Amino acid sequence: MTQPLSDLLERLAQAGIRISAEGDKLVLQGRAGALDARLQNELRERKAELLAWLTRSNNAPRRYPLNAEQTRLWFMDKLSQNDQGFVLHASFLLRGTLDTALWQHAVAQTVERHAIVSARLAEHDNEAWLEITGQRPGLELCPENAPHTLPAGQLFRVMLQPCDGHHRITFLIHHIIADRTSMAILINDCFSVAGGGRLAPAAQFTEVLQTADQTRETPEALAWWRNTLDGAPAEISLPLDHPRPAERGQRAGMLSLPLPDDADLSDIARANGATPFMAYLALYAWLLQRWSGDDDMVIGCPVSTRKTRADQDMVGFMVSTVPLRLQPALNDDLATRIAQVKHALLGALDQPGVTLDQIVSVLNPKRHLNRNPLFQAMFVLQAQPWHRPPCRTRPSKRCRLPRWHLKLT
């Protein structure tokens, strides 16, 4: 009995093979050795059926424009020669006997829930956009030494590899279609299905891209940013061990430490009429001040643009980076510092329709090859929890292209 065409397409996706049509020919793209004899025979036998499927109007590529923040990321990615520096990465060790079919199903259900992860990045004449066809990524069964990278144009990948007698599942997604919250959503969805759960429909980032207006420069908002950041220092006087190189390199390090139970600042934030984000940022700035002695600094903060309940379950790039200028006195207490952060953050959020690129353009600071123009330290609060089954997290020690001196997540 002939299997449905969808089964063949799913097996091709699991093997990491992309299929397209050029006239009356099938074009396959994937790693060497991925196409076994069985798949080759099926492709020959069902060539006409595959060509018909590929050429149907409902499988024609759907094109979505990049918004202003995505365009900035695309440009920076090209500037770094697409060296995987904008790829979000998470690995988990799955202990015990593995049900491969179960995890294939979990990935397929997750991909079906979020259309944007099937997108590919296309570009021509210095213009980029996203394209989605009928082909979806699936779980790729990879050898143990396969590198954790995204192939050119591909924006989402899930790899399953043997690892010390167990298996490791790795999620890779390009920052241009996802933020950290999106990564948590994808992992939660996949693990939920693997645990027997069912996924409800989710709002689609593709609809946001189709309907959102491009960011418009607001003269009043640009003037506010100019006044706020005028004369701000371009970097923090961190006690570096070595002189700054002439150009940014690709060497960096990452230190991962668990937070103790008493590190929860929710009560302190509430007592000061602030959010936990503001309290943690105030402490981070205090630490930077202790190291540097500076009483004037700029810290970059990715701020979520998720506003509705539906947005909370949406996979997409929904952040805007704002440069916050803080000027704490050396003897300020925590309450004063939190109030300063609150004032700076609310002022920044009250300036609609301004991107980081527009702020840089209006300030026009001196450019350097070895650092960013406005800030050298970032603060990120990961508020979306990860709900995972009993498995051990395998943190990635791979760090690429240090775009900032210091980043606290």
Protein backbone atom coordinates (compact mmCIF):
# COMPACT_ATOMS: atom_id res chain seq x y z
CA MET A 1 0.00 0.00 0.00
CA THR A 2 1.38 3.40 -1.01
CA GLN A 3 2.11 5.68 1.95
CA PRO A 4 0.74 9.25 1.93
CA LEU A 5 3.01 11.81 0.33
CA SER A 6 3.18 13.65 3.67
CA ASP A 7 5.02 10.65 5.17
CA LEU A 8 7.72 10.87 2.49
CA LEU A 9 8.03 14.63 2.97
CA GLU A 10 8.33 14.20 6.75
CA ARG A 11 11.11 11.62 6.35
CA LEU A 12 12.96 13.95 3.99
CA ALA A 13 12.69 16.75 6.56
CA GLN A 14 13.92 14.46 9.34
CA ALA A 15 16.96 13.62 7.22
CA GLY A 16 17.63 17.34 6.74
CA ILE A 17 16.88 17.22 3.01
CA ARG A 18 15.19 20.14 1.26
CA ILE A 19 13.28 19.45 -1.91
CA SER A 20 12.31 21.89 -4.64
CA ALA A 21 11.48 21.84 -8.33
CA GLU A 22 13.22 23.35 -11.35
CA GLY A 23 11.08 22.66 -14.39
CA ASP A 24 10.67 18.88 -14.62
CA LYS A 25 13.55 18.16 -12.23
CA LEU A 26 13.60 17.57 -8.50
CA VAL A 27 16.33 19.48 -6.67
CA LEU A 28 17.56 18.06 -3.36
CA GLN A 29 19.74 19.84 -0.80
CA GLY A 30 21.19 18.27 2.34
CA ARG A 31 24.25 16.81 3.96
CA ALA A 32 26.26 14.10 2.22
CA GLY A 33 24.97 10.59 2.91
CA ALA A 34 21.56 11.71 4.14
CA LEU A 35 19.74 10.22 1.15
CA ASP A 36 19.64 6.44 1.59
CA ALA A 37 18.73 3.88 -1.11
CA ARG A 38 15.12 3.59 0.08
CA LEU A 39 14.53 7.33 -0.19
CA GLN A 40 16.21 7.42 -3.61
CA ASN A 41 13.89 4.72 -4.92
CA GLU A 42 10.80 6.43 -3.52
CA LEU A 43 11.82 9.75 -5.07
CA ARG A 44 12.20 8.10 -8.48
CA GLU A 45 8.86 6.31 -8.21
CA ARG A 46 6.93 9.35 -6.98
CA LYS A 47 8.70 12.07 -8.96
CA ALA A 48 5.60 13.11 -10.90
CA GLU A 49 3.53 13.29 -7.71
CA LEU A 50 6.19 15.36 -5.98
CA LEU A 51 6.51 17.76 -8.89
CA ALA A 52 2.75 18.27 -8.91
CA TRP A 53 2.76 18.97 -5.18
CA LEU A 54 5.62 21.44 -5.45
CA THR A 55 4.02 23.40 -8.26
CA ARG A 56 0.56 23.78 -6.76
CA SER A 57 -0.40 27.35 -6.11
CA ASN A 58 -0.99 26.77 -2.41
CA ASN A 59 2.61 25.70 -2.01
CA ALA A 60 4.07 28.72 -3.77
CA PRO A 61 6.43 30.66 -1.49
CA ARG A 62 4.69 33.18 0.75
CA ARG A 63 6.78 36.29 1.21
CA TYR A 64 6.93 38.36 4.39
CA PRO A 65 8.81 41.65 4.84
CA LEU A 66 11.29 42.18 7.65
CA ASN A 67 10.45 44.82 10.22
CA ALA A 68 12.97 47.47 11.26
CA GLU A 69 14.52 45.44 14.09
CA GLN A 70 14.80 42.34 11.90
CA THR A 71 16.44 44.39 9.16
CA ARG A 72 19.01 45.61 11.68
CA LEU A 73 19.79 42.04 12.71
CA TRP A 74 20.08 40.92 9.09
CA PHE A 75 22.55 43.71 8.36
CA MET A 76 24.63 42.93 11.46
CA ASP A 77 24.60 39.23 10.57
CA LYS A 78 25.92 39.98 7.10
CA LEU A 79 28.56 42.25 8.62
CA SER A 80 29.74 39.35 10.78
CA GLN A 81 29.76 37.11 7.67
CA ASN A 82 26.93 34.92 8.97
CA ASP A 83 29.16 33.27 11.56
CA GLN A 84 26.25 31.87 13.66
CA GLY A 85 26.59 34.70 16.18
CA PHE A 86 22.82 35.38 16.05
CA VAL A 87 21.73 31.77 16.55
CA LEU A 88 19.93 30.96 19.81
CA HIS A 89 20.98 27.55 21.10
CA ALA A 90 19.74 25.16 23.79
CA SER A 91 20.68 21.51 24.38
CA PHE A 92 19.16 18.89 26.68
CA LEU A 93 20.40 15.43 27.62
CA LEU A 94 17.64 12.81 27.34
CA ARG A 95 18.45 9.88 29.61
CA GLY A 96 17.32 6.29 29.22
CA THR A 97 15.56 4.55 26.35
CA LEU A 98 14.56 6.96 23.62
CA ASP A 99 11.34 6.79 21.59
CA THR A 100 12.54 8.46 18.39
CA ALA A 101 9.09 8.42 16.79
CA LEU A 102 7.65 10.23 19.82
CA TRP A 103 10.19 13.05 19.54
CA GLN A 104 9.68 13.28 15.78
CA HIS A 105 5.97 13.71 16.44
CA ALA A 106 6.65 16.31 19.14
CA VAL A 107 8.82 18.40 16.83
CA ALA A 108 6.31 18.10 13.97
CA GLN A 109 3.45 19.29 16.21
CA THR A 110 5.54 22.20 17.48
CA VAL A 111 6.48 23.27 13.95
CA GLU A 112 2.85 23.01 12.85
CA ARG A 113 1.79 25.34 15.70
CA HIS A 114 4.28 28.09 14.77
CA ALA A 115 4.46 28.82 11.04
CA ILE A 116 7.39 31.23 11.34
CA VAL A 117 9.87 28.43 12.15
CA SER A 118 9.37 27.07 8.62
CA ALA A 119 10.55 30.35 7.12
CA ARG A 120 13.75 30.73 5.14
CA LEU A 121 15.71 33.92 4.72
CA ALA A 122 15.94 35.16 1.13
CA GLU A 123 17.76 38.20 -0.20
CA HIS A 124 18.44 39.96 -3.47
CA ASP A 125 20.00 43.34 -4.35
CA ASN A 126 20.62 44.25 -0.68
CA GLU A 127 17.03 43.48 0.29
CA ALA A 128 15.97 40.61 2.54
CA TRP A 129 12.65 38.95 3.31
CA LEU A 130 11.22 35.73 4.75
CA GLU A 131 9.73 32.97 2.60
CA ILE A 132 7.53 30.09 3.70
CA THR A 133 6.73 27.12 1.46
CA GLY A 134 4.86 23.91 2.16
CA GLN A 135 8.02 22.24 3.46
CA ARG A 136 8.52 22.17 7.21
CA PRO A 137 11.61 21.38 9.26
CA GLY A 138 11.57 18.14 11.23
CA LEU A 139 13.70 16.36 13.81
CA GLU A 140 17.10 15.60 12.27
CA LEU A 141 18.87 12.40 13.36
CA CYS A 142 22.52 13.42 13.34
CA PRO A 143 25.84 11.77 14.19
CA GLU A 144 27.41 12.59 17.55
CA ASN A 145 30.01 14.96 16.11
CA ALA A 146 27.63 16.96 13.89
CA PRO A 147 28.21 20.70 14.48
CA HIS A 148 25.42 22.76 16.01
CA THR A 149 24.96 25.21 13.16
CA LEU A 150 22.18 26.45 10.90
CA PRO A 151 22.64 25.78 7.17
CA ALA A 152 22.57 28.85 4.93
CA GLY A 153 19.07 30.30 4.70
CA GLN A 154 17.58 27.90 7.26
CA LEU A 155 16.29 29.57 10.43
CA PHE A 156 15.19 26.70 12.69
CA ARG A 157 16.68 23.29 13.36
CA VAL A 158 16.17 20.49 15.90
CA MET A 159 18.96 17.91 16.11
CA LEU A 160 18.97 14.54 17.90
CA GLN A 161 22.39 13.01 18.54
CA PRO A 162 23.79 10.11 20.55
CA CYS A 163 25.73 11.31 23.60
CA ASP A 164 27.60 9.10 26.11
CA GLY A 165 25.07 6.29 25.94
CA HIS A 166 22.11 8.67 25.99
CA HIS A 167 20.77 11.22 23.50
CA ARG A 168 21.02 14.97 23.21
CA ILE A 169 18.34 17.13 21.64
CA THR A 170 19.45 20.55 20.43
CA PHE A 171 17.27 23.48 19.40
CA LEU A 172 18.73 26.10 17.06
CA ILE A 173 16.82 29.15 15.89
CA HIS A 174 17.98 32.37 14.28
CA HIS A 175 17.38 35.52 16.28
CA ILE A 176 15.76 37.16 13.23
CA ILE A 177 12.58 35.10 13.80
CA ALA A 178 12.74 34.55 17.55
CA ASP A 179 13.62 36.08 20.89
CA ARG A 180 14.49 34.27 24.11
CA THR A 181 10.84 33.97 25.07
CA SER A 182 10.19 32.28 21.71
CA MET A 183 12.90 29.72 22.39
CA ALA A 184 11.27 28.88 25.73
CA ILE A 185 7.86 28.55 24.03
CA LEU A 186 9.24 26.14 21.42
CA ILE A 187 11.00 23.99 24.02
CA ASN A 188 7.93 23.95 26.29
CA ASP A 189 5.69 22.96 23.38
CA CYS A 190 7.99 20.17 22.22
CA PHE A 191 8.42 18.71 25.71
CA SER A 192 4.70 19.05 26.38
CA VAL A 193 3.81 16.92 23.35
CA ALA A 194 6.54 14.41 24.23
CA GLY A 195 4.92 14.14 27.65
CA GLY A 196 1.49 13.40 26.16
CA GLY A 197 0.12 16.93 26.03
CA ARG A 198 -1.84 18.63 23.24
CA LEU A 199 -1.10 22.06 21.80
CA ALA A 200 -3.75 24.71 21.33
CA PRO A 201 -3.59 27.01 18.28
CA ALA A 202 -1.27 29.98 18.68
CA ALA A 203 -1.20 33.49 17.23
CA GLN A 204 1.12 33.78 14.24
CA PHE A 205 4.07 36.15 13.90
CA THR A 206 3.59 36.01 10.12
CA GLU A 207 0.34 37.95 10.57
CA VAL A 208 2.20 40.57 12.61
CA LEU A 209 4.73 41.00 9.79
CA GLN A 210 1.97 41.36 7.21
CA THR A 211 -0.08 43.92 9.12
CA ALA A 212 2.48 45.92 11.10
CA ASP A 213 3.37 49.37 9.87
CA GLN A 214 7.04 50.07 9.41
CA THR A 215 8.53 52.14 12.23
CA ARG A 216 8.20 55.86 11.63
CA GLU A 217 10.58 58.40 13.00
CA THR A 218 8.92 60.68 15.56
CA PRO A 219 10.68 64.08 15.85
CA GLU A 220 9.69 64.52 19.50
CA ALA A 221 10.89 61.05 20.43
CA LEU A 222 14.17 61.47 18.56
CA ALA A 223 14.72 64.80 20.34
CA TRP A 224 14.11 63.09 23.68
CA TRP A 225 16.75 60.46 22.92
CA ARG A 226 19.20 63.12 21.73
CA ASN A 227 18.81 65.09 24.95
CA THR A 228 18.93 61.99 27.15
CA LEU A 229 22.09 60.47 25.65
CA ASP A 230 23.97 63.66 24.78
CA GLY A 231 27.43 63.49 26.33
CA ALA A 232 26.98 59.94 27.63
CA PRO A 233 30.17 57.85 27.81
CA ALA A 234 30.63 55.38 24.97
CA GLU A 235 31.90 52.65 27.29
CA ILE A 236 32.17 51.60 30.92
CA SER A 237 35.62 51.72 32.51
CA LEU A 238 35.77 48.01 33.26
CA PRO A 239 39.11 46.71 34.62
CA LEU A 240 40.08 44.67 31.57
CA ASP A 241 42.91 42.15 31.77
CA HIS A 242 44.22 42.98 28.30
CA PRO A 243 44.19 45.99 25.95
CA ARG A 244 41.22 46.20 23.64
CA PRO A 245 42.05 44.72 20.19
CA ALA A 246 41.78 46.92 17.11
CA GLU A 247 38.80 44.89 15.87
CA ARG A 248 36.23 42.71 17.55
CA GLY A 249 37.22 39.07 17.59
CA GLN A 250 35.28 35.85 18.13
CA ARG A 251 36.67 34.82 21.50
CA ALA A 252 34.42 35.05 24.53
CA GLY A 253 33.44 33.15 27.63
CA MET A 254 30.28 32.26 29.50
CA LEU A 255 29.81 31.63 33.22
CA SER A 256 26.55 29.99 34.30
CA LEU A 257 25.62 30.10 37.99
CA PRO A 258 22.37 29.07 39.73
CA LEU A 259 20.62 31.82 41.67
CA PRO A 260 19.96 31.04 45.35
CA ASP A 261 16.44 31.18 46.76
CA ASP A 262 17.10 34.51 48.45
CA ALA A 263 17.98 36.11 45.07
CA ASP A 264 14.29 36.76 44.35
CA LEU A 265 13.85 40.54 44.38
CA SER A 266 10.08 40.55 43.78
CA ASP A 267 9.23 41.74 47.29
CA ILE A 268 11.89 44.45 47.24
CA ALA A 269 10.68 45.62 43.83
CA ARG A 270 7.06 45.67 45.00
CA ALA A 271 7.96 47.67 48.10
CA ASN A 272 9.59 50.29 45.87
CA GLY A 273 6.72 50.47 43.38
CA ALA A 274 8.85 48.82 40.68
CA THR A 275 9.10 45.58 38.71
CA PRO A 276 11.65 42.79 39.30
CA PHE A 277 13.31 43.83 36.01
CA MET A 278 13.98 47.30 37.46
CA ALA A 279 15.34 45.91 40.73
CA TYR A 280 17.69 43.42 39.05
CA LEU A 281 18.92 46.08 36.62
CA ALA A 282 19.61 48.46 39.51
CA LEU A 283 21.77 45.79 41.18
CA TYR A 284 23.58 45.04 37.91
CA ALA A 285 24.37 48.74 37.43
CA TRP A 286 25.56 48.89 41.04
CA LEU A 287 27.94 45.99 40.38
CA LEU A 288 29.27 47.69 37.23
CA GLN A 289 29.81 50.86 39.25
CA ARG A 290 31.76 48.97 41.91
CA TRP A 291 34.04 47.52 39.21
CA SER A 292 34.48 50.72 37.22
CA GLY A 293 33.92 53.63 39.62
CA ASP A 294 31.80 55.30 36.90
CA ASP A 295 28.82 57.45 37.89
CA ASP A 296 27.51 57.70 34.32
CA MET A 297 26.88 54.64 32.15
CA VAL A 298 24.66 53.31 29.35
CA ILE A 299 23.31 49.75 29.48
CA GLY A 300 21.48 48.09 26.58
CA CYS A 301 18.21 46.35 27.49
CA PRO A 302 16.09 44.22 25.13
CA VAL A 303 12.49 45.13 25.97
CA SER A 304 9.59 42.92 24.96
CA THR A 305 6.99 44.29 22.53
CA ARG A 306 4.46 41.60 23.53
CA LYS A 307 1.36 43.50 24.60
CA THR A 308 -1.65 41.15 24.40
CA ARG A 309 -2.41 37.78 25.98
CA ALA A 310 -2.16 36.13 22.55
CA ASP A 311 1.35 37.57 22.12
CA GLN A 312 2.58 35.64 25.15
CA ASP A 313 2.36 32.32 23.26
CA MET A 314 3.65 33.63 19.92
CA VAL A 315 7.00 32.66 18.44
CA GLY A 316 8.64 35.64 16.77
CA PHE A 317 11.21 38.40 17.14
CA MET A 318 9.29 40.69 19.48
CA VAL A 319 11.91 42.77 21.26
CA SER A 320 13.29 46.26 20.91
CA THR A 321 16.69 47.19 22.35
CA VAL A 322 16.80 50.44 24.29
CA PRO A 323 19.94 52.17 25.64
CA LEU A 324 19.29 53.23 29.25
CA ARG A 325 21.48 55.96 30.70
CA LEU A 326 21.97 55.67 34.46
CA GLN A 327 23.82 58.20 36.63
CA PRO A 328 23.92 56.79 40.16
CA ALA A 329 26.00 58.43 42.87
CA LEU A 330 28.53 56.15 44.54
CA ASN A 331 26.71 56.36 47.91
CA ASP A 332 23.15 55.86 46.60
CA ASP A 333 21.16 53.15 48.39
CA LEU A 334 19.19 50.43 46.57
CA ALA A 335 15.85 52.25 46.80
CA THR A 336 17.34 55.34 45.13
CA ARG A 337 18.93 53.23 42.42
CA ILE A 338 15.68 51.41 41.68
CA ALA A 339 13.88 54.76 41.41
CA GLN A 340 16.51 55.99 38.91
CA VAL A 341 16.14 52.85 36.80
CA LYS A 342 12.34 53.16 36.89
CA HIS A 343 12.51 56.78 35.72
CA ALA A 344 14.94 55.95 32.90
CA LEU A 345 13.01 52.89 31.71
CA LEU A 346 9.56 54.49 31.75
CA GLY A 347 10.95 57.50 29.89
CA ALA A 348 12.43 55.25 27.21
CA LEU A 349 9.24 53.21 26.83
CA ASP A 350 7.25 56.42 26.41
CA GLN A 351 9.06 57.19 23.13
CA PRO A 352 7.04 55.32 20.48
CA GLY A 353 8.20 54.23 17.06
CA VAL A 354 11.97 54.69 17.47
CA THR A 355 14.45 51.91 16.74
CA LEU A 356 18.01 51.59 18.01
CA ASP A 357 19.31 52.33 14.52
CA GLN A 358 17.40 55.61 14.45
CA ILE A 359 18.81 56.56 17.85
CA VAL A 360 22.35 55.86 16.62
CA SER A 361 21.68 57.87 13.46
CA VAL A 362 20.41 60.95 15.29
CA LEU A 363 23.31 60.90 17.78
CA ASN A 364 25.89 60.03 15.11
CA PRO A 365 28.60 58.90 17.54
CA LYS A 366 32.10 58.14 16.36
CA ARG A 367 32.24 54.59 15.01
CA HIS A 368 34.88 52.04 16.03
CA LEU A 369 35.61 48.57 14.66
CA ASN A 370 36.19 47.15 18.13
CA ARG A 371 32.98 48.16 19.93
CA ASN A 372 29.36 49.16 19.56
CA PRO A 373 28.64 52.89 19.36
CA LEU A 374 26.27 53.36 22.32
CA PHE A 375 26.81 50.70 25.00
CA GLN A 376 29.17 47.88 25.92
CA ALA A 377 27.09 46.10 28.57
CA MET A 378 23.67 44.48 28.33
CA PHE A 379 21.06 43.23 30.77
CA VAL A 380 18.50 40.55 29.84
CA LEU A 381 15.76 39.17 32.09
CA GLN A 382 14.45 35.78 30.93
CA ALA A 383 10.93 35.82 32.34
CA GLN A 384 9.48 32.87 30.38
CA PRO A 385 9.90 29.65 32.42
CA TRP A 386 11.05 26.41 30.80
CA HIS A 387 8.92 23.40 31.62
CA ARG A 388 10.96 20.34 30.73
CA PRO A 389 10.62 16.62 31.50
CA PRO A 390 13.18 14.81 33.68
CA CYS A 391 16.36 15.44 31.72
CA ARG A 392 19.59 17.23 32.40
CA THR A 393 20.33 20.52 30.74
CA ARG A 394 23.53 20.51 28.72
CA PRO A 395 24.54 24.19 28.57
CA SER A 396 26.43 25.25 25.50
CA LYS A 397 29.92 26.61 26.15
CA ARG A 398 30.20 27.85 22.59
CA CYS A 399 30.37 31.65 22.47
CA ARG A 400 30.75 33.57 19.25
CA LEU A 401 31.44 37.16 18.28
CA PRO A 402 31.37 39.10 21.54
CA ARG A 403 29.28 42.13 20.56
CA TRP A 404 29.51 43.52 24.10
CA HIS A 405 32.07 43.44 26.89
CA LEU A 406 29.61 42.08 29.42
CA LYS A 407 26.12 40.62 29.24
CA LEU A 408 24.03 39.45 32.19
CA THR A 409 21.07 37.16 31.53
